[in-house]
Amino acid sequence: MASAKGCPAPVWPAPACLRKYFSSLLDSSEVYFQFTVSRHVGKVIFWIVVFFLVLLALRLVSVWQARREKQEQQTRARKPADEPMVRCGQCGVYLPKSSAIMTERGFGCGDPHCAHQR
């Protein structure tokens, strides 16, 4: 085998002059490797954080919509009747005032079986 200039034939472990040459290469490549790996790891961590922030934002929007729908349902359920309700004087059933009939005992429901129920 041909020997490098000023170095004996390669023998393992490498002679001191080759170790010096390769160690400087290894040091610079380690720095480059560490730099590129740390840069890539930083990008991965950044995208993981962005992914979880998007998930959190979607969850918050979902919770907000659910609360809004629940509140709308409660306000619809709590709305008072548009028309006052009256009680039938014969059977005791409550009905809207517009569909009630005026009788001698007050309001009536108009049902033919109403007088027989009570």
Protein backbone atom coordinates (compact mmCIF):
# COMPACT_ATOMS: atom_id res chain seq x y z
CA MET A 1 0.00 0.00 0.00
CA ALA A 2 1.06 3.52 -0.70
CA SER A 3 1.88 5.57 2.29
CA ALA A 4 0.83 9.14 2.86
CA LYS A 5 3.46 11.81 2.60
CA GLY A 6 5.62 11.55 5.67
CA CYS A 7 3.51 8.76 7.24
CA PRO A 8 4.27 5.12 7.44
CA ALA A 9 1.94 2.49 5.91
CA PRO A 10 -1.51 2.39 7.57
CA VAL A 11 -1.63 0.23 10.64
CA TRP A 12 -4.49 -0.02 13.10
CA PRO A 13 -4.55 2.00 15.35
CA ALA A 14 -3.66 4.77 12.95
CA PRO A 15 -0.35 6.54 13.37
CA ALA A 16 -0.26 9.84 15.16
CA CYS A 17 -0.09 11.95 12.00
CA LEU A 18 -3.29 10.33 10.62
CA ARG A 19 -5.06 10.53 13.94
CA LYS A 20 -4.35 14.23 14.06
CA TYR A 21 -5.70 14.69 10.53
CA PHE A 22 -8.82 12.56 11.07
CA SER A 23 -9.53 13.99 14.51
CA SER A 24 -9.75 17.50 13.05
CA LEU A 25 -12.18 16.15 10.40
CA LEU A 26 -14.20 14.34 13.01
CA ASP A 27 -14.40 17.40 15.23
CA SER A 28 -15.67 19.61 12.41
CA SER A 29 -18.14 16.95 11.18
CA GLU A 30 -19.42 16.44 14.74
CA VAL A 31 -20.06 20.15 15.04
CA TYR A 32 -21.86 20.14 11.69
CA PHE A 33 -23.81 17.02 12.65
CA GLN A 34 -24.78 18.49 16.02
CA PHE A 35 -25.81 21.74 14.37
CA THR A 36 -27.96 20.07 11.71
CA VAL A 37 -29.50 17.61 14.16
CA SER A 38 -30.30 20.35 16.66
CA ARG A 39 -31.80 22.46 13.86
CA HIS A 40 -33.95 19.55 12.70
CA VAL A 41 -34.98 18.65 16.23
CA GLY A 42 -35.94 22.27 16.80
CA LYS A 43 -38.14 22.20 13.70
CA VAL A 44 -39.80 18.98 14.80
CA ILE A 45 -40.49 20.37 18.26
CA PHE A 46 -41.85 23.57 16.72
CA TRP A 47 -44.32 21.64 14.51
CA ILE A 48 -45.38 19.42 17.40
CA VAL A 49 -46.15 22.53 19.46
CA VAL A 50 -48.05 24.09 16.52
CA PHE A 51 -50.05 20.85 16.09
CA PHE A 52 -51.10 20.80 19.75
CA LEU A 53 -51.96 24.50 19.69
CA VAL A 54 -54.26 23.89 16.71
CA LEU A 55 -55.89 21.00 18.57
CA LEU A 56 -56.36 23.22 21.62
CA ALA A 57 -57.91 25.98 19.50
CA LEU A 58 -60.31 23.51 17.87
CA ARG A 59 -61.31 22.18 21.28
CA LEU A 60 -61.94 25.68 22.62
CA VAL A 61 -64.12 26.52 19.61
CA SER A 62 -66.06 23.29 20.09
CA VAL A 63 -66.66 24.00 23.78
CA TRP A 64 -67.71 27.57 22.98
CA GLN A 65 -70.25 26.37 20.38
CA ALA A 66 -71.65 23.74 22.76
CA ARG A 67 -72.11 26.30 25.52
CA ARG A 68 -73.77 28.73 23.13
CA GLU A 69 -76.19 26.07 21.88
CA LYS A 70 -77.00 24.99 25.43
CA GLN A 71 -77.65 28.60 26.45
CA GLU A 72 -79.91 29.14 23.41
CA GLN A 73 -81.89 26.02 24.28
CA GLN A 74 -82.30 27.21 27.86
CA THR A 75 -83.51 30.64 26.78
CA ARG A 76 -85.97 29.03 24.34
CA ALA A 77 -87.24 26.75 27.11
CA ARG A 78 -87.61 29.66 29.57
CA LYS A 79 -89.56 31.91 27.22
CA PRO A 80 -93.00 32.57 28.63
CA ALA A 81 -95.99 31.61 26.53
CA ASP A 82 -96.98 34.28 24.05
CA GLU A 83 -100.57 33.90 25.18
CA PRO A 84 -101.92 33.76 28.73
CA MET A 85 -103.26 30.42 29.89
CA VAL A 86 -106.59 30.06 31.68
CA ARG A 87 -108.09 27.19 33.63
CA CYS A 88 -111.28 25.49 32.60
CA GLY A 89 -113.90 25.96 35.35
CA GLN A 90 -115.35 22.49 34.83
CA CYS A 91 -112.45 20.06 34.32
CA GLY A 92 -109.45 22.11 35.52
CA VAL A 93 -107.41 21.83 32.32
CA TYR A 94 -105.24 24.82 31.38
CA LEU A 95 -105.61 26.10 27.83
CA PRO A 96 -104.77 29.25 25.85
CA LYS A 97 -107.20 32.09 26.45
CA SER A 98 -107.96 32.41 22.72
CA SER A 99 -109.30 28.84 22.52
CA ALA A 100 -111.26 29.03 25.81
CA ILE A 101 -115.03 29.48 25.82
CA MET A 102 -116.75 31.76 28.33
CA THR A 103 -119.27 29.86 30.48
CA GLU A 104 -121.27 30.67 33.62
CA ARG A 105 -118.52 29.06 35.73
CA GLY A 106 -115.77 31.10 34.05
CA PHE A 107 -113.68 29.84 31.19
CA GLY A 108 -114.41 26.45 29.64
CA CYS A 109 -112.49 24.19 27.27
CA GLY A 110 -115.41 23.41 24.97
CA ASP A 111 -114.91 19.66 25.19
CA PRO A 112 -118.30 17.84 25.20
CA HIS A 113 -116.99 15.37 27.82
CA CYS A 114 -115.69 18.16 30.05
CA ALA A 115 -118.70 18.26 32.38
CA HIS A 116 -118.53 14.50 32.97
CA GLN A 117 -114.86 14.40 34.00
CA ARG A 118 -115.33 16.13 37.29
